[in-house]
């Protein structure tokens, strides 16, 4: 029954992928306040450091370029 084995293998891979996705989402959403706080702290520190070095505008322009590239790649 090679056809059954192939279908079972595909179902098992799909099941493992869904379980991994669900576990990852559970961990991320469970720690969302901490992730948001850490992200805010990192962005605030980076922004202050870039502003103190006079590099805020070039870095914001570079970030905007990457956002534009990713946004255009969706269409």
PDB file of N, CA and C in Angstrom:
ATOM      1  N   UNK A   1       0.811  -1.190   0.000  1.00  0.00           N
ATOM      2  CA  UNK A   1       0.000   0.000   0.000  1.00  0.00           C
ATOM      3  C   UNK A   1       0.859   1.261   0.000  1.00  0.00           C
ATOM      4  N   UNK A   2       1.630   1.459  -1.054  1.00  0.00           N
ATOM      5  CA  UNK A   2       2.489   2.637  -1.082  1.00  0.00           C
ATOM      6  C   UNK A   2       1.697   3.937  -1.136  1.00  0.00           C
ATOM      7  N   UNK A   3       0.523   3.932  -1.750  1.00  0.00           N
ATOM      8  CA  UNK A   3      -0.279   5.157  -1.811  1.00  0.00           C
ATOM      9  C   UNK A   3      -0.729   5.602  -0.438  1.00  0.00           C
ATOM     10  N   UNK A   4      -1.111   4.619   0.407  1.00  0.00           N
ATOM     11  CA  UNK A   4      -1.542   4.942   1.763  1.00  0.00           C
ATOM     12  C   UNK A   4      -0.391   5.529   2.572  1.00  0.00           C
ATOM     13  N   UNK A   5       0.784   4.955   2.442  1.00  0.00           N
ATOM     14  CA  UNK A   5       1.946   5.443   3.185  1.00  0.00           C
ATOM     15  C   UNK A   5       2.284   6.878   2.784  1.00  0.00           C
ATOM     16  N   UNK A   6       2.178   7.174   1.514  1.00  0.00           N
ATOM     17  CA  UNK A   6       2.477   8.519   1.031  1.00  0.00           C
ATOM     18  C   UNK A   6       1.459   9.518   1.589  1.00  0.00           C
ATOM     19  N   UNK A   7       0.163   9.146   1.547  1.00  0.00           N
ATOM     20  CA  UNK A   7      -0.870  10.035   2.071  1.00  0.00           C
ATOM     21  C   UNK A   7      -0.725  10.211   3.578  1.00  0.00           C
ATOM     22  N   UNK A   8      -0.407   9.126   4.280  1.00  0.00           N
ATOM     23  CA  UNK A   8      -0.219   9.215   5.722  1.00  0.00           C
ATOM     24  C   UNK A   8       0.958  10.119   6.060  1.00  0.00           C
ATOM     25  N   UNK A   9       2.030  10.023   5.269  1.00  0.00           N
ATOM     26  CA  UNK A   9       3.198  10.882   5.487  1.00  0.00           C
ATOM     27  C   UNK A   9       2.849  12.352   5.305  1.00  0.00           C
ATOM     28  N   UNK A  10       2.071  12.653   4.278  1.00  0.00           N
ATOM     29  CA  UNK A  10       1.660  14.038   4.041  1.00  0.00           C
ATOM     30  C   UNK A  10       0.765  14.542   5.175  1.00  0.00           C
ATOM     31  N   UNK A  11      -0.146  13.674   5.618  1.00  0.00           N
ATOM     32  CA  UNK A  11      -1.035  14.068   6.714  1.00  0.00           C
ATOM     33  C   UNK A  11      -0.232  14.304   7.993  1.00  0.00           C
ATOM     34  N   UNK A  12       0.779  13.480   8.233  1.00  0.00           N
ATOM     35  CA  UNK A  12       1.590  13.618   9.433  1.00  0.00           C
ATOM     36  C   UNK A  12       2.407  14.907   9.387  1.00  0.00           C
ATOM     37  N   UNK A  13       2.961  15.229   8.238  1.00  0.00           N
ATOM     38  CA  UNK A  13       3.722  16.470   8.099  1.00  0.00           C
ATOM     39  C   UNK A  13       2.807  17.673   8.301  1.00  0.00           C
ATOM     40  N   UNK A  14       1.622  17.621   7.721  1.00  0.00           N
ATOM     41  CA  UNK A  14       0.659  18.712   7.894  1.00  0.00           C
ATOM     42  C   UNK A  14       0.264  18.847   9.353  1.00  0.00           C
ATOM     43  N   UNK A  15       0.009  17.723  10.003  1.00  0.00           N
ATOM     44  CA  UNK A  15      -0.356  17.747  11.418  1.00  0.00           C
ATOM     45  C   UNK A  15       0.766  18.338  12.268  1.00  0.00           C
ATOM     46  N   UNK A  16       1.997  17.916  12.040  1.00  0.00           N
ATOM     47  CA  UNK A  16       3.128  18.451  12.802  1.00  0.00           C
ATOM     48  C   UNK A  16       3.318  19.949  12.554  1.00  0.00           C
ATOM     49  N   UNK A  17       3.118  20.376  11.321  1.00  0.00           N
ATOM     50  CA  UNK A  17       3.247  21.795  11.009  1.00  0.00           C
ATOM     51  C   UNK A  17       2.171  22.608  11.735  1.00  0.00           C
ATOM     52  N   UNK A  18       0.943  22.099  11.748  1.00  0.00           N
ATOM     53  CA  UNK A  18      -0.139  22.803  12.440  1.00  0.00           C
ATOM     54  C   UNK A  18       0.075  22.831  13.952  1.00  0.00           C
ATOM     55  N   UNK A  19       0.561  21.738  14.510  1.00  0.00           N
ATOM     56  CA  UNK A  19       0.841  21.703  15.947  1.00  0.00           C
ATOM     57  C   UNK A  19       1.960  22.682  16.291  1.00  0.00           C
ATOM     58  N   UNK A  20       2.999  22.729  15.483  1.00  0.00           N
ATOM     59  CA  UNK A  20       4.094  23.674  15.709  1.00  0.00           C
ATOM     60  C   UNK A  20       3.592  25.103  15.608  1.00  0.00           C
ATOM     61  N   UNK A  21       2.776  25.382  14.613  1.00  0.00           N
ATOM     62  CA  UNK A  21       2.208  26.724  14.449  1.00  0.00           C
ATOM     63  C   UNK A  21       1.340  27.103  15.645  1.00  0.00           C
ATOM     64  N   UNK A  22       0.494  26.184  16.081  1.00  0.00           N
ATOM     65  CA  UNK A  22      -0.391  26.465  17.216  1.00  0.00           C
ATOM     66  C   UNK A  22       0.408  26.696  18.493  1.00  0.00           C
ATOM     67  N   UNK A  23       1.425  25.889  18.724  1.00  0.00           N
ATOM     68  CA  UNK A  23       2.251  26.065  19.920  1.00  0.00           C
ATOM     69  C   UNK A  23       2.999  27.401  19.885  1.00  0.00           C
ATOM     70  N   UNK A  24       3.509  27.757  18.738  1.00  0.00           N
ATOM     71  CA  UNK A  24       4.205  29.029  18.600  1.00  0.00           C
ATOM     72  C   UNK A  24       3.264  30.199  18.858  1.00  0.00           C
ATOM     73  N   UNK A  25       2.083  30.157  18.276  1.00  0.00           N
ATOM     74  CA  UNK A  25       1.114  31.232  18.485  1.00  0.00           C
ATOM     75  C   UNK A  25       0.689  31.320  19.948  1.00  0.00           C
ATOM     76  N   UNK A  26       0.522  30.172  20.603  1.00  0.00           N
ATOM     77  CA  UNK A  26       0.160  30.164  22.018  1.00  0.00           C
ATOM     78  C   UNK A  26       1.248  30.827  22.850  1.00  0.00           C
ATOM     79  N   UNK A  27       2.504  30.496  22.580  1.00  0.00           N
ATOM     80  CA  UNK A  27       3.606  31.095  23.337  1.00  0.00           C
ATOM     81  C   UNK A  27       3.723  32.592  23.080  1.00  0.00           C
ATOM     82  N   UNK A  28       3.557  32.997  21.834  1.00  0.00           N
ATOM     83  CA  UNK A  28       3.667  34.423  21.501  1.00  0.00           C
ATOM     84  C   UNK A  28       2.523  35.206  22.114  1.00  0.00           C
ATOM     85  N   UNK A  29       1.302  34.739  21.932  1.00  0.00           N
ATOM     86  CA  UNK A  29       0.144  35.469  22.447  1.00  0.00           C
ATOM     87  C   UNK A  29       0.088  35.440  23.966  1.00  0.00           C
ATOM     88  N   UNK A  30       0.606  34.385  24.575  1.00  0.00           N
ATOM     89  CA  UNK A  30       0.649  34.317  26.028  1.00  0.00           C
ATOM     90  C   UNK A  30       1.603  35.326  26.634  1.00  0.00           C
ATOM     91  N   UNK A  31       2.638  35.676  25.896  1.00  0.00           N
ATOM     92  CA  UNK A  31       3.638  36.623  26.390  1.00  0.00           C
ATOM     93  C   UNK A  31       3.564  37.953  25.648  1.00  0.00           C
ATOM     94  N   UNK A  32       2.418  38.251  25.051  1.00  0.00           N
ATOM     95  CA  UNK A  32       2.299  39.460  24.234  1.00  0.00           C
ATOM     96  C   UNK A  32       2.600  40.746  24.994  1.00  0.00           C
ATOM     97  N   UNK A  33       2.123  40.932  26.229  1.00  0.00           N
ATOM     98  CA  UNK A  33       2.470  42.174  26.929  1.00  0.00           C
ATOM     99  C   UNK A  33       3.973  42.336  27.131  1.00  0.00           C
ATOM    100  N   UNK A  34       4.659  41.248  27.470  1.00  0.00           N
ATOM    101  CA  UNK A  34       6.108  41.326  27.663  1.00  0.00           C
ATOM    102  C   UNK A  34       6.817  41.588  26.333  1.00  0.00           C
ATOM    103  N   UNK A  35       6.367  40.945  25.268  1.00  0.00           N
ATOM    104  CA  UNK A  35       6.971  41.167  23.950  1.00  0.00           C
ATOM    105  C   UNK A  35       6.773  42.616  23.511  1.00  0.00           C
ATOM    106  N   UNK A  36       5.576  43.153  23.719  1.00  0.00           N
ATOM    107  CA  UNK A  36       5.302  44.546  23.352  1.00  0.00           C
ATOM    108  C   UNK A  36       6.161  45.503  24.174  1.00  0.00           C
ATOM    109  N   UNK A  37       6.305  45.247  25.465  1.00  0.00           N
ATOM    110  CA  UNK A  37       7.116  46.107  26.328  1.00  0.00           C
ATOM    111  C   UNK A  37       8.584  46.070  25.895  1.00  0.00           C
ATOM    112  N   UNK A  38       9.112  44.871  25.649  1.00  0.00           N
ATOM    113  CA  UNK A  38      10.503  44.740  25.215  1.00  0.00           C
ATOM    114  C   UNK A  38      10.735  45.412  23.865  1.00  0.00           C
ATOM    115  N   UNK A  39       9.780  45.255  22.944  1.00  0.00           N
ATOM    116  CA  UNK A  39       9.900  45.890  21.634  1.00  0.00           C
ATOM    117  C   UNK A  39       9.901  47.404  21.773  1.00  0.00           C
ATOM    118  N   UNK A  40       9.004  47.923  22.597  1.00  0.00           N
ATOM    119  CA  UNK A  40       8.951  49.376  22.818  1.00  0.00           C
ATOM    120  C   UNK A  40      10.258  49.872  23.425  1.00  0.00           C
ATOM    121  N   UNK A  41      10.778  49.177  24.430  1.00  0.00           N
ATOM    122  CA  UNK A  41      12.032  49.592  25.059  1.00  0.00           C
ATOM    123  C   UNK A  41      13.195  49.587  24.066  1.00  0.00           C
ATOM    124  N   UNK A  42      13.253  48.552  23.228  1.00  0.00           N
ATOM    125  CA  UNK A  42      14.332  48.463  22.247  1.00  0.00           C
ATOM    126  C   UNK A  42      14.229  49.582  21.214  1.00  0.00           C
ATOM    127  N   UNK A  43      13.001  49.840  20.720  1.00  0.00           N
ATOM    128  CA  UNK A  43      12.832  50.918  19.736  1.00  0.00           C
ATOM    129  C   UNK A  43      13.113  52.285  20.341  1.00  0.00           C
ATOM    130  N   UNK A  44      12.701  52.497  21.593  1.00  0.00           N
ATOM    131  CA  UNK A  44      12.953  53.785  22.250  1.00  0.00           C
ATOM    132  C   UNK A  44      14.451  54.015  22.440  1.00  0.00           C
ATOM    133  N   UNK A  45      15.165  52.993  22.894  1.00  0.00           N
ATOM    134  CA  UNK A  45      16.606  53.132  23.096  1.00  0.00           C
ATOM    135  C   UNK A  45      17.337  53.368  21.777  1.00  0.00           C
ATOM    136  N   UNK A  46      16.935  52.630  20.740  1.00  0.00           N
ATOM    137  CA  UNK A  46      17.568  52.790  19.427  1.00  0.00           C
ATOM    138  C   UNK A  46      17.300  54.175  18.852  1.00  0.00           C
ATOM    139  N   UNK A  47      16.068  54.645  19.009  1.00  0.00           N
ATOM    140  CA  UNK A  47      15.712  55.971  18.504  1.00  0.00           C
ATOM    141  C   UNK A  47      16.490  57.057  19.226  1.00  0.00           C
ATOM    142  N   UNK A  48      16.604  56.953  20.530  1.00  0.00           N
ATOM    143  CA  UNK A  48      17.360  57.949  21.297  1.00  0.00           C
ATOM    144  C   UNK A  48      18.829  57.946  20.901  1.00  0.00           C
ATOM    145  N   UNK A  49      19.408  56.757  20.735  1.00  0.00           N
ATOM    146  CA  UNK A  49      20.817  56.659  20.354  1.00  0.00           C
ATOM    147  C   UNK A  49      21.041  57.230  18.945  1.00  0.00           C
ATOM    148  N   UNK A  50      20.148  56.927  18.023  1.00  0.00           N
ATOM    149  CA  UNK A  50      20.285  57.443  16.656  1.00  0.00           C
ATOM    150  C   UNK A  50      20.117  58.953  16.629  1.00  0.00           C
ATOM    151  N   UNK A  51      19.200  59.473  17.436  1.00  0.00           N
ATOM    152  CA  UNK A  51      18.996  60.919  17.485  1.00  0.00           C
ATOM    153  C   UNK A  51      20.224  61.613  18.080  1.00  0.00           C
ATOM    154  N   UNK A  52      20.820  61.014  19.102  1.00  0.00           N
ATOM    155  CA  UNK A  52      22.006  61.596  19.724  1.00  0.00           C
ATOM    156  C   UNK A  52      23.199  61.593  18.766  1.00  0.00           C
ATOM    157  N   UNK A  53      23.264  60.619  17.884  1.00  0.00           N
ATOM    158  CA  UNK A  53      24.361  60.520  16.922  1.00  0.00           C
ATOM    159  C   UNK A  53      24.077  61.267  15.631  1.00  0.00           C
ATOM    160  N   UNK A  54      22.887  61.832  15.508  1.00  0.00           N
ATOM    161  CA  UNK A  54      22.527  62.546  14.292  1.00  0.00           C
ATOM    162  C   UNK A  54      22.211  61.631  13.123  1.00  0.00           C
ATOM    163  N   UNK A  55      21.857  60.413  13.400  1.00  0.00           N
ATOM    164  CA  UNK A  55      21.584  59.434  12.349  1.00  0.00           C
ATOM    165  C   UNK A  55      20.116  59.055  12.264  1.00  0.00           C
ATOM    166  N   UNK A  56      19.226  59.818  12.893  1.00  0.00           N
ATOM    167  CA  UNK A  56      17.820  59.427  12.950  1.00  0.00           C
ATOM    168  C   UNK A  56      17.163  59.462  11.568  1.00  0.00           C
ATOM    169  N   UNK A  57      17.358  60.552  10.836  1.00  0.00           N
ATOM    170  CA  UNK A  57      16.711  60.662   9.521  1.00  0.00           C
ATOM    171  C   UNK A  57      17.200  59.606   8.529  1.00  0.00           C
ATOM    172  N   UNK A  58      18.511  59.378   8.403  1.00  0.00           N
ATOM    173  CA  UNK A  58      18.945  58.321   7.478  1.00  0.00           C
ATOM    174  C   UNK A  58      18.424  56.932   7.850  1.00  0.00           C
ATOM    175  N   UNK A  59      18.375  56.646   9.143  1.00  0.00           N
ATOM    176  CA  UNK A  59      17.889  55.329   9.569  1.00  0.00           C
ATOM    177  C   UNK A  59      16.389  55.191   9.340  1.00  0.00           C
ATOM    178  N   UNK A  60      15.640  56.267   9.571  1.00  0.00           N
ATOM    179  CA  UNK A  60      14.205  56.215   9.293  1.00  0.00           C
ATOM    180  C   UNK A  60      13.943  56.065   7.799  1.00  0.00           C
ATOM    181  N   UNK A  61      14.757  56.724   6.985  1.00  0.00           N
ATOM    182  CA  UNK A  61      14.609  56.593   5.538  1.00  0.00           C
ATOM    183  C   UNK A  61      14.917  55.164   5.097  1.00  0.00           C
ATOM    184  N   UNK A  62      15.937  54.562   5.680  1.00  0.00           N
ATOM    185  CA  UNK A  62      16.284  53.176   5.352  1.00  0.00           C
ATOM    186  C   UNK A  62      15.162  52.228   5.769  1.00  0.00           C
ATOM    187  N   UNK A  63      14.606  52.436   6.959  1.00  0.00           N
ATOM    188  CA  UNK A  63      13.496  51.604   7.426  1.00  0.00           C
ATOM    189  C   UNK A  63      12.275  51.775   6.522  1.00  0.00           C
ATOM    190  N   UNK A  64      11.996  53.012   6.111  1.00  0.00           N
ATOM    191  CA  UNK A  64      10.860  53.264   5.223  1.00  0.00           C
ATOM    192  C   UNK A  64      11.075  52.580   3.871  1.00  0.00           C
ATOM    193  N   UNK A  65      12.306  52.552   3.400  1.00  0.00           N
ATOM    194  CA  UNK A  65      12.619  51.865   2.149  1.00  0.00           C
ATOM    195  C   UNK A  65      12.296  50.378   2.253  1.00  0.00           C
ATOM    196  N   UNK A  66      12.697  49.740   3.346  1.00  0.00           N
ATOM    197  CA  UNK A  66      12.417  48.318   3.523  1.00  0.00           C
ATOM    198  C   UNK A  66      10.932  48.049   3.665  1.00  0.00           C
ATOM    199  N   UNK A  67      10.215  48.916   4.370  1.00  0.00           N
ATOM    200  CA  UNK A  67       8.758  48.764   4.478  1.00  0.00           C
ATOM    201  C   UNK A  67       8.124  48.866   3.101  1.00  0.00           C
ATOM    202  N   UNK A  68       8.593  49.810   2.296  1.00  0.00           N
ATOM    203  CA  UNK A  68       8.066  49.971   0.940  1.00  0.00           C
ATOM    204  C   UNK A  68       8.358  48.740   0.089  1.00  0.00           C
ATOM    205  N   UNK A  69       9.560  48.196   0.198  1.00  0.00           N
ATOM    206  CA  UNK A  69       9.927  46.997  -0.564  1.00  0.00           C
ATOM    207  C   UNK A  69       9.025  45.828  -0.181  1.00  0.00           C
ATOM    208  N   UNK A  70       8.832  45.611   1.112  1.00  0.00           N
ATOM    209  CA  UNK A  70       7.981  44.500   1.557  1.00  0.00           C
ATOM    210  C   UNK A  70       6.522  44.736   1.173  1.00  0.00           C
ATOM    211  N   UNK A  71       6.053  45.980   1.260  1.00  0.00           N
ATOM    212  CA  UNK A  71       4.668  46.275   0.898  1.00  0.00           C
ATOM    213  C   UNK A  71       4.442  46.032  -0.588  1.00  0.00           C
ATOM    214  N   UNK A  72       5.374  46.444  -1.410  1.00  0.00           N
ATOM    215  CA  UNK A  72       5.219  46.256  -2.855  1.00  0.00           C
ATOM    216  C   UNK A  72       5.363  44.796  -3.268  1.00  0.00           C
ATOM    217  N   UNK A  73       6.092  44.024  -2.479  1.00  0.00           N
ATOM    218  CA  UNK A  73       6.234  42.612  -2.826  1.00  0.00           C
ATOM    219  C   UNK A  73       4.949  41.826  -2.561  1.00  0.00           C
ATOM    220  N   UNK A  74       4.038  42.402  -1.804  1.00  0.00           N
ATOM    221  CA  UNK A  74       2.765  41.719  -1.528  1.00  0.00           C
ATOM    222  C   UNK A  74       1.805  41.820  -2.705  1.00  0.00           C
ATOM    223  N   UNK A  75       2.049  42.733  -3.620  1.00  0.00           N
ATOM    224  CA  UNK A  75       1.122  42.937  -4.733  1.00  0.00           C
ATOM    225  C   UNK A  75       1.664  42.378  -6.017  1.00  0.00           C
TER     226      UNK A  75
END
